[in-house]
Amino acid sequence: MKILKDFFKHRETFIGIATAFAFLLIFFCVWMTAYDGVTDRVDQLKVGLVNDDAQMGKTISNNLEKNLPFKVKGYKSLTSAKEDMNKRDLDMVISIPTNFSSSLKENNDTEIKYFINQANSSLTKQIMAGATKDITQTINKGVYTYKQELILSNLSKGLSASLPSEELAQKLSENITNVFSSLTIDPVQSSVKKTNNTEGFAATMLPMLIVLASWVGAMIMSLNLNSVSVQLKNIHGKWSIFFTRQFINIGASIILAIITLLFMYAFDIKFTTNLFETWVFQTLVFFSFLSLTQMFVVLFGPAGMVFNIISLSMQLVTFGVIVPKAMLSNFYQAVGSYFPATYVADGYYTVIFGGTSLSHDMNILLIVSLATIFIAIGKVALQPGIKAKPEPMPTKKEIAVH
């Protein structure tokens, strides 16, 4: 019992317990509110529709635009639709090819093409893969009914005149039966192509791994550097301490980025971007995280770790890896747009799966880094300067000894 009492005599014991409670409380509050009603916002996902068939394609595309539970945007060409999908403006592209109707008449079957963007959250990919089956099934029902009506209309013309004999009527009845039995119930087949695809489940989880590992590492590093800064404030000036911290942050970001790329190479993660561009991007990832976590610690001291924990939870629900950003509420979408993890995830989707360049995401991360550093500079400027204690002059006795 004595050792138990001794533990609770120290403030750090209570801080540790409070931190564990804070983690639990914050994650519960943020995650449960962010994911509430997500399934009701499936209509926010975006689908591109390309119709190159002048006959049945018009009817099918009109029906899809009216009845699909997604935001549907029509495109004149498949190329432009794929370009928007590579920018992650579309989650799937549906293409009705030029020979859709002619193939159906000549061969009694045809094909509709789906392109699902793999550089996306796992939930989005699952929803779109399931949607392809439902869409094809619905189209097949419409096509089957259309073919029945077409045959019946053609037969009605032949039967408009009275039949001359019972034998002819029987033969015609047999022909009608044969025609209907030859109809294929599912004449439309689906062709699903995974665009920006990569092999291996581990690669798809890399954006989450990078964000989680980098942010937690940045939190701990910022807290420890702040503790050292407090210890050094009686020896060195506040500005020399602050700018030395930035130098350490930059150096650590460069080295950690190299180590990250080596780990990715060791685990056979393939890049779609060049090595130098990926290294610069990863350096900015670490530096933006360090700058943001540093800002909270500079502003609030050790209590800033609470804000860092809140930021971690917010970013994990809004960065679009677990649940697509479009399916979150407007509040969480707005919050996510201000945190760096959103652009880290987008950038790593480009690195792993392909798509547009990294320049946009790198620019945002640089802006976040500079903005948070300037806020920290403002806080340091308001702090009173503490003059370094001068080194004591050696006594005559000490000089004589030396």
Protein backbone atom coordinates (compact mmCIF):
# COMPACT_ATOMS: atom_id res chain seq x y z
CA MET A 1 0.00 0.00 0.00
CA LYS A 2 2.86 2.37 0.76
CA ILE A 3 4.15 2.24 -2.82
CA LEU A 4 0.64 2.89 -4.09
CA LYS A 5 0.40 6.01 -1.91
CA ASP A 6 3.83 7.09 -3.13
CA PHE A 7 2.66 6.86 -6.74
CA PHE A 8 -0.28 9.15 -6.03
CA LYS A 9 1.93 11.67 -4.31
CA HIS A 10 3.31 12.58 -7.74
CA ARG A 11 1.38 14.83 -10.12
CA GLU A 12 2.48 12.78 -13.16
CA THR A 13 0.34 9.82 -12.01
CA PHE A 14 -2.83 11.93 -12.15
CA ILE A 15 -1.76 13.44 -15.47
CA GLY A 16 -1.30 9.95 -16.94
CA ILE A 17 -4.75 8.82 -15.80
CA ALA A 18 -6.33 12.06 -17.02
CA THR A 19 -4.65 11.67 -20.42
CA ALA A 20 -6.06 8.16 -20.83
CA PHE A 21 -9.52 9.47 -19.92
CA ALA A 22 -9.13 12.42 -22.32
CA PHE A 23 -8.19 10.09 -25.21
CA LEU A 24 -11.30 7.98 -24.57
CA LEU A 25 -13.64 10.95 -24.17
CA ILE A 26 -12.35 12.87 -27.19
CA PHE A 27 -12.36 9.91 -29.57
CA PHE A 28 -15.86 8.86 -28.51
CA CYS A 29 -17.29 12.36 -28.91
CA VAL A 30 -15.60 13.14 -32.23
CA TRP A 31 -15.98 9.77 -33.95
CA MET A 32 -19.57 9.11 -32.91
CA THR A 33 -20.74 12.56 -33.97
CA ALA A 34 -18.73 12.57 -37.21
CA TYR A 35 -19.98 9.17 -38.39
CA ASP A 36 -23.58 9.71 -37.32
CA GLY A 37 -25.85 9.65 -40.38
CA VAL A 38 -23.05 8.78 -42.81
CA THR A 39 -25.13 6.15 -44.61
CA ASP A 40 -27.86 8.73 -45.19
CA ARG A 41 -25.45 10.83 -47.25
CA VAL A 42 -24.67 8.30 -49.97
CA ASP A 43 -26.31 10.73 -52.40
CA GLN A 44 -23.23 12.96 -52.04
CA LEU A 45 -21.02 10.50 -53.94
CA LYS A 46 -20.37 11.47 -57.57
CA VAL A 47 -20.76 9.40 -60.73
CA GLY A 48 -19.89 10.38 -64.30
CA LEU A 49 -22.11 9.13 -67.13
CA VAL A 50 -20.92 8.82 -70.75
CA ASN A 51 -23.40 7.76 -73.46
CA ASP A 52 -22.05 7.04 -76.95
CA ASP A 53 -25.07 5.03 -78.14
CA ALA A 54 -27.66 6.98 -80.13
CA GLN A 55 -30.48 4.45 -79.76
CA MET A 56 -31.24 2.69 -76.46
CA GLY A 57 -28.40 4.53 -74.76
CA LYS A 58 -30.41 7.75 -74.56
CA THR A 59 -33.25 6.11 -72.67
CA ILE A 60 -30.89 4.24 -70.34
CA SER A 61 -28.79 7.32 -69.54
CA ASN A 62 -31.91 9.41 -68.83
CA ASN A 63 -33.23 6.74 -66.47
CA LEU A 64 -29.87 6.50 -64.69
CA GLU A 65 -29.68 10.26 -64.19
CA LYS A 66 -33.16 10.27 -62.65
CA ASN A 67 -32.95 7.14 -60.52
CA LEU A 68 -29.33 6.69 -59.34
CA PRO A 69 -28.90 7.56 -55.62
CA PHE A 70 -25.74 9.57 -56.43
CA LYS A 71 -24.83 12.91 -57.95
CA VAL A 72 -24.75 12.11 -61.68
CA LYS A 73 -22.89 14.30 -64.16
CA GLY A 74 -23.07 13.72 -67.90
CA TYR A 75 -19.94 13.79 -70.07
CA LYS A 76 -19.53 13.91 -73.83
CA SER A 77 -16.36 11.82 -73.83
CA LEU A 78 -14.90 9.04 -71.69
CA THR A 79 -11.52 10.78 -71.68
CA SER A 80 -12.81 13.93 -69.95
CA ALA A 81 -14.73 11.83 -67.42
CA LYS A 82 -11.60 9.84 -66.57
CA GLU A 83 -9.61 13.06 -66.18
CA ASP A 84 -12.07 14.29 -63.55
CA MET A 85 -11.95 10.90 -61.85
CA ASN A 86 -8.15 11.10 -61.66
CA LYS A 87 -8.61 14.44 -59.90
CA ARG A 88 -10.89 12.59 -57.46
CA ASP A 89 -13.89 14.67 -58.55
CA LEU A 90 -15.72 11.44 -59.49
CA ASP A 91 -15.99 8.12 -57.66
CA MET A 92 -17.10 6.08 -60.68
CA VAL A 93 -17.67 6.48 -64.43
CA ILE A 94 -20.40 4.61 -66.32
CA SER A 95 -19.88 4.24 -70.06
CA ILE A 96 -22.52 3.12 -72.57
CA PRO A 97 -20.44 2.19 -75.67
CA THR A 98 -21.28 3.08 -79.28
CA ASN A 99 -22.20 -0.50 -80.24
CA PHE A 100 -24.53 -1.07 -77.26
CA SER A 101 -27.79 -1.29 -79.25
CA SER A 102 -26.34 -2.85 -82.40
CA SER A 103 -24.61 -5.61 -80.45
CA LEU A 104 -27.84 -6.33 -78.60
CA LYS A 105 -29.76 -6.77 -81.87
CA GLU A 106 -27.10 -8.76 -83.70
CA ASN A 107 -25.68 -10.95 -80.92
CA ASN A 108 -28.51 -10.86 -78.37
CA ASP A 109 -26.08 -9.53 -75.75
CA THR A 110 -24.14 -6.33 -75.05
CA GLU A 111 -21.92 -4.68 -72.45
CA ILE A 112 -21.92 -1.65 -70.17
CA LYS A 113 -18.61 -0.44 -68.75
CA TYR A 114 -17.86 0.77 -65.22
CA PHE A 115 -14.65 2.48 -64.08
CA ILE A 116 -14.21 2.61 -60.29
CA ASN A 117 -11.52 4.88 -58.86
CA GLN A 118 -9.33 2.88 -56.45
CA ALA A 119 -7.63 6.03 -55.12
CA ASN A 120 -10.48 6.43 -52.71
CA SER A 121 -11.77 5.37 -49.30
CA SER A 122 -12.56 1.69 -48.84
CA LEU A 123 -16.22 2.49 -48.13
CA THR A 124 -16.60 4.37 -51.42
CA LYS A 125 -15.11 1.48 -53.40
CA GLN A 126 -17.47 -0.99 -51.71
CA ILE A 127 -20.52 1.19 -52.42
CA MET A 128 -19.59 1.64 -56.08
CA ALA A 129 -18.83 -2.06 -56.59
CA GLY A 130 -22.25 -2.94 -55.18
CA ALA A 131 -23.92 -0.27 -57.30
CA THR A 132 -22.60 -1.81 -60.55
CA LYS A 133 -24.54 -5.02 -59.90
CA ASP A 134 -27.78 -3.16 -59.12
CA ILE A 135 -27.44 -0.88 -62.15
CA THR A 136 -26.78 -3.77 -64.54
CA GLN A 137 -29.71 -5.74 -63.12
CA THR A 138 -32.06 -2.76 -63.55
CA ILE A 139 -30.87 -2.18 -67.13
CA ASN A 140 -31.39 -5.87 -67.94
CA LYS A 141 -35.00 -5.71 -66.77
CA GLY A 142 -35.64 -2.71 -68.99
CA VAL A 143 -33.91 -4.28 -72.00
CA TYR A 144 -35.81 -7.57 -71.58
CA THR A 145 -39.12 -5.73 -71.46
CA TYR A 146 -38.11 -3.62 -74.46
CA LYS A 147 -37.26 -6.70 -76.55
CA GLN A 148 -40.57 -8.35 -75.65
CA GLU A 149 -42.51 -5.27 -76.68
CA LEU A 150 -40.51 -5.02 -79.91
CA ILE A 151 -41.26 -8.64 -80.86
CA LEU A 152 -44.94 -8.32 -79.99
CA SER A 153 -45.27 -5.15 -82.06
CA ASN A 154 -43.69 -6.88 -85.07
CA LEU A 155 -45.95 -9.89 -84.66
CA SER A 156 -49.05 -7.76 -84.42
CA LYS A 157 -48.33 -6.42 -87.88
CA GLY A 158 -48.13 -9.95 -89.29
CA LEU A 159 -51.31 -11.01 -87.55
CA SER A 160 -53.30 -7.99 -88.63
CA ALA A 161 -54.71 -10.00 -91.55
CA SER A 162 -56.89 -12.99 -90.71
CA LEU A 163 -55.11 -16.34 -90.79
CA PRO A 164 -56.09 -18.49 -93.82
CA SER A 165 -55.80 -21.88 -92.07
CA GLU A 166 -55.59 -23.58 -88.65
CA GLU A 167 -52.32 -25.28 -89.65
CA LEU A 168 -50.69 -21.90 -90.29
CA ALA A 169 -51.96 -20.58 -86.97
CA GLN A 170 -50.43 -23.56 -85.13
CA LYS A 171 -47.08 -23.12 -86.87
CA LEU A 172 -47.07 -19.40 -86.09
CA SER A 173 -47.84 -20.15 -82.46
CA GLU A 174 -44.82 -22.47 -82.30
CA ASN A 175 -42.61 -19.78 -83.83
CA ILE A 176 -43.76 -17.24 -81.24
CA THR A 177 -42.95 -19.68 -78.43
CA ASN A 178 -39.47 -20.31 -79.86
CA VAL A 179 -38.76 -16.59 -80.18
CA PHE A 180 -39.67 -15.85 -76.55
CA SER A 181 -37.73 -18.83 -75.26
CA SER A 182 -34.64 -17.59 -77.12
CA LEU A 183 -34.70 -14.26 -75.28
CA THR A 184 -31.82 -13.84 -72.84
CA ILE A 185 -32.96 -12.64 -69.42
CA ASP A 186 -29.62 -10.90 -68.77
CA PRO A 187 -28.45 -9.66 -72.19
CA VAL A 188 -26.41 -6.79 -70.69
CA GLN A 189 -23.12 -7.77 -69.08
CA SER A 190 -21.08 -5.50 -66.83
CA SER A 191 -17.42 -4.78 -67.41
CA VAL A 192 -15.85 -3.36 -64.23
CA LYS A 193 -12.39 -1.82 -64.51
CA LYS A 194 -10.45 -0.63 -61.46
CA THR A 195 -8.64 2.55 -62.40
CA ASN A 196 -5.57 3.76 -60.49
CA ASN A 197 -5.31 0.29 -59.02
CA THR A 198 -2.45 -1.17 -57.00
CA GLU A 199 -1.81 -4.67 -55.71
CA GLY A 200 -1.91 -5.57 -52.04
CA PHE A 201 -4.15 -4.55 -49.15
CA ALA A 202 -1.21 -3.13 -47.18
CA ALA A 203 -0.64 -0.40 -49.78
CA THR A 204 -4.26 0.78 -49.46
CA MET A 205 -3.75 1.33 -45.72
CA LEU A 206 -0.54 3.35 -46.14
CA PRO A 207 -2.21 6.82 -46.00
CA MET A 208 -3.71 5.98 -42.60
CA LEU A 209 -0.39 4.55 -41.38
CA ILE A 210 1.54 7.67 -42.42
CA VAL A 211 -0.96 10.07 -40.82
CA LEU A 212 -1.24 8.14 -37.56
CA ALA A 213 2.47 7.43 -37.11
CA SER A 214 3.62 10.89 -38.20
CA TRP A 215 1.12 12.80 -36.07
CA VAL A 216 1.72 10.81 -32.87
CA GLY A 217 5.48 11.10 -33.40
CA ALA A 218 5.16 14.85 -33.98
CA MET A 219 3.08 15.28 -30.81
CA ILE A 220 5.64 13.54 -28.62
CA MET A 221 8.59 15.32 -30.26
CA SER A 222 6.96 18.76 -29.88
CA LEU A 223 6.17 18.11 -26.22
CA ASN A 224 9.74 17.05 -25.45
CA LEU A 225 11.30 19.95 -27.36
CA ASN A 226 9.05 22.30 -25.42
CA SER A 227 10.25 20.79 -22.13
CA VAL A 228 13.86 21.34 -23.21
CA SER A 229 13.03 24.91 -24.25
CA VAL A 230 11.66 25.66 -20.78
CA GLN A 231 14.86 24.34 -19.22
CA LEU A 232 17.04 26.45 -21.55
CA LYS A 233 15.17 29.75 -21.20
CA ASN A 234 17.40 30.89 -18.31
CA ILE A 235 20.52 30.26 -20.37
CA HIS A 236 19.56 31.32 -23.92
CA GLY A 237 17.31 33.98 -25.43
CA LYS A 238 13.76 33.12 -26.45
CA TRP A 239 14.36 33.75 -30.16
CA SER A 240 17.52 31.64 -30.35
CA ILE A 241 15.62 28.80 -28.64
CA PHE A 242 12.61 29.15 -30.97
CA PHE A 243 14.56 29.25 -34.22
CA THR A 244 16.80 26.41 -33.08
CA ARG A 245 13.62 24.36 -32.62
CA GLN A 246 12.64 25.14 -36.22
CA PHE A 247 16.07 24.02 -37.39
CA ILE A 248 15.64 20.74 -35.48
CA ASN A 249 12.14 20.31 -36.95
CA ILE A 250 13.41 20.78 -40.49
CA GLY A 251 16.35 18.43 -39.98
CA ALA A 252 14.16 15.77 -38.37
CA SER A 253 11.60 16.07 -41.20
CA ILE A 254 14.27 15.55 -43.86
CA ILE A 255 15.79 12.53 -42.11
CA LEU A 256 12.43 10.95 -41.20
CA ALA A 257 11.23 11.38 -44.80
CA ILE A 258 14.26 9.43 -46.05
CA ILE A 259 13.63 6.69 -43.47
CA THR A 260 9.95 6.54 -44.49
CA LEU A 261 10.85 6.06 -48.16
CA LEU A 262 13.36 3.34 -47.20
CA PHE A 263 10.65 1.51 -45.26
CA MET A 264 8.26 1.79 -48.20
CA TYR A 265 10.96 0.44 -50.51
CA ALA A 266 11.71 -2.41 -48.08
CA PHE A 267 8.03 -3.42 -48.05
CA ASP A 268 7.84 -3.20 -51.84
CA ILE A 269 5.45 -0.22 -52.06
CA LYS A 270 5.40 0.99 -55.66
CA PHE A 271 5.42 4.74 -56.41
CA THR A 272 3.59 6.41 -59.28
CA THR A 273 5.51 9.63 -58.63
CA ASN A 274 9.25 10.21 -58.95
CA LEU A 275 11.47 9.64 -55.92
CA PHE A 276 12.55 13.27 -55.39
CA GLU A 277 8.98 14.60 -55.54
CA THR A 278 7.82 11.93 -53.09
CA TRP A 279 10.68 12.77 -50.70
CA VAL A 280 9.85 16.50 -50.77
CA PHE A 281 6.19 15.70 -50.16
CA GLN A 282 6.96 13.43 -47.21
CA THR A 283 9.31 16.06 -45.75
CA LEU A 284 6.46 18.58 -45.87
CA VAL A 285 4.15 16.02 -44.25
CA PHE A 286 6.40 15.71 -41.20
CA PHE A 287 7.20 19.42 -41.06
CA SER A 288 3.52 20.47 -41.24
CA PHE A 289 2.64 18.03 -38.45
CA LEU A 290 5.54 19.23 -36.31
CA SER A 291 4.63 22.88 -36.93
CA LEU A 292 0.98 22.37 -36.00
CA THR A 293 1.64 20.29 -32.87
CA GLN A 294 4.36 22.78 -31.87
CA MET A 295 1.90 25.66 -32.22
CA PHE A 296 -0.51 24.19 -29.67
CA VAL A 297 2.29 23.45 -27.21
CA VAL A 298 3.77 26.95 -27.59
CA LEU A 299 0.35 28.54 -27.11
CA PHE A 300 -0.86 26.47 -24.16
CA GLY A 301 2.21 24.69 -22.78
CA PRO A 302 1.80 21.00 -21.85
CA ALA A 303 -2.00 21.54 -21.88
CA GLY A 304 -1.66 21.99 -25.65
CA MET A 305 -1.43 18.20 -25.88
CA VAL A 306 -5.20 18.11 -25.33
CA PHE A 307 -5.64 20.14 -28.52
CA ASN A 308 -3.21 17.82 -30.31
CA ILE A 309 -5.29 14.81 -29.26
CA ILE A 310 -8.46 16.54 -30.47
CA SER A 311 -6.70 17.34 -33.75
CA LEU A 312 -5.66 13.71 -34.17
CA SER A 313 -9.20 12.49 -33.67
CA MET A 314 -10.62 15.14 -36.00
CA GLN A 315 -8.16 14.30 -38.75
CA LEU A 316 -8.73 10.56 -38.57
CA VAL A 317 -12.44 11.02 -39.25
CA THR A 318 -12.18 13.76 -41.86
CA PHE A 319 -9.17 12.88 -44.02
CA GLY A 320 -11.17 10.60 -46.32
CA VAL A 321 -9.43 7.24 -45.88
CA ILE A 322 -12.00 5.50 -43.69
CA VAL A 323 -15.16 7.30 -44.83
CA PRO A 324 -15.34 9.54 -47.93
CA LYS A 325 -15.33 13.24 -47.14
CA ALA A 326 -18.49 13.75 -49.21
CA MET A 327 -20.48 11.55 -46.82
CA LEU A 328 -19.57 13.59 -43.73
CA SER A 329 -21.66 16.48 -42.45
CA ASN A 330 -20.89 19.99 -43.70
CA PHE A 331 -19.27 20.86 -40.36
CA TYR A 332 -16.77 18.00 -40.47
CA GLN A 333 -16.06 18.59 -44.16
CA ALA A 334 -15.21 22.22 -43.35
CA VAL A 335 -13.05 21.21 -40.38
CA GLY A 336 -11.18 18.62 -42.43
CA SER A 337 -10.27 21.16 -45.10
CA TYR A 338 -8.17 23.09 -42.54
CA PHE A 339 -6.16 20.12 -41.27
CA PRO A 340 -3.05 18.83 -43.07
CA ALA A 341 -4.05 15.14 -42.87
CA THR A 342 -6.64 15.69 -45.63
CA TYR A 343 -3.91 16.72 -48.06
CA VAL A 344 -1.51 14.06 -46.79
CA ALA A 345 -4.09 11.38 -47.63
CA ASP A 346 -4.82 12.91 -51.06
CA GLY A 347 -1.10 13.11 -51.76
CA TYR A 348 -0.49 9.50 -50.81
CA TYR A 349 -3.40 8.37 -52.98
CA THR A 350 -1.49 10.03 -55.83
CA VAL A 351 1.83 8.45 -54.75
CA ILE A 352 0.40 4.92 -54.51
CA PHE A 353 -2.50 4.83 -56.96
CA GLY A 354 -1.71 7.62 -59.42
CA GLY A 355 -3.72 10.57 -60.67
CA THR A 356 -2.79 14.24 -60.63
CA SER A 357 0.50 15.76 -59.45
CA LEU A 358 1.49 16.38 -55.83
CA SER A 359 2.00 20.13 -56.29
CA HIS A 360 -1.43 21.17 -54.93
CA ASP A 361 -1.13 19.07 -51.77
CA MET A 362 2.47 20.20 -51.20
CA ASN A 363 1.47 23.86 -51.50
CA ILE A 364 -1.30 23.43 -48.92
CA LEU A 365 1.06 21.66 -46.49
CA LEU A 366 3.60 24.47 -46.91
CA ILE A 367 0.91 27.09 -46.20
CA VAL A 368 -0.19 25.18 -43.07
CA SER A 369 3.42 25.01 -41.87
CA LEU A 370 4.10 28.73 -42.40
CA ALA A 371 0.77 29.82 -40.88
CA THR A 372 1.27 27.79 -37.69
CA ILE A 373 4.89 28.95 -37.35
CA PHE A 374 3.82 32.61 -37.62
CA ILE A 375 1.16 32.06 -34.94
CA ALA A 376 3.82 30.52 -32.70
CA ILE A 377 6.12 33.48 -33.43
CA GLY A 378 3.34 35.82 -32.28
CA LYS A 379 3.05 33.95 -29.00
CA VAL A 380 6.84 33.97 -28.45
CA ALA A 381 6.93 37.72 -29.19
CA LEU A 382 4.44 38.33 -26.36
CA GLN A 383 6.48 36.34 -23.87
CA PRO A 384 8.80 38.34 -21.62
CA GLY A 385 12.44 37.97 -22.51
CA ILE A 386 14.63 36.41 -19.84
CA LYS A 387 18.20 37.48 -19.87
CA ALA A 388 20.68 34.69 -19.76
CA LYS A 389 22.58 34.46 -16.50
CA PRO A 390 26.19 35.55 -17.04
CA GLU A 391 28.87 32.99 -16.45
CA PRO A 392 30.52 33.60 -13.02
CA MET A 393 34.02 35.07 -13.21
CA PRO A 394 36.68 32.60 -12.05
CA THR A 395 38.33 33.39 -8.73
CA LYS A 396 42.08 33.90 -8.35
CA LYS A 397 42.28 30.55 -6.64
CA GLU A 398 40.57 28.80 -9.60
CA ILE A 399 42.90 30.58 -12.05
CA ALA A 400 45.90 29.46 -10.05
CA VAL A 401 44.67 25.86 -10.09
CA HIS A 402 44.29 25.94 -13.86
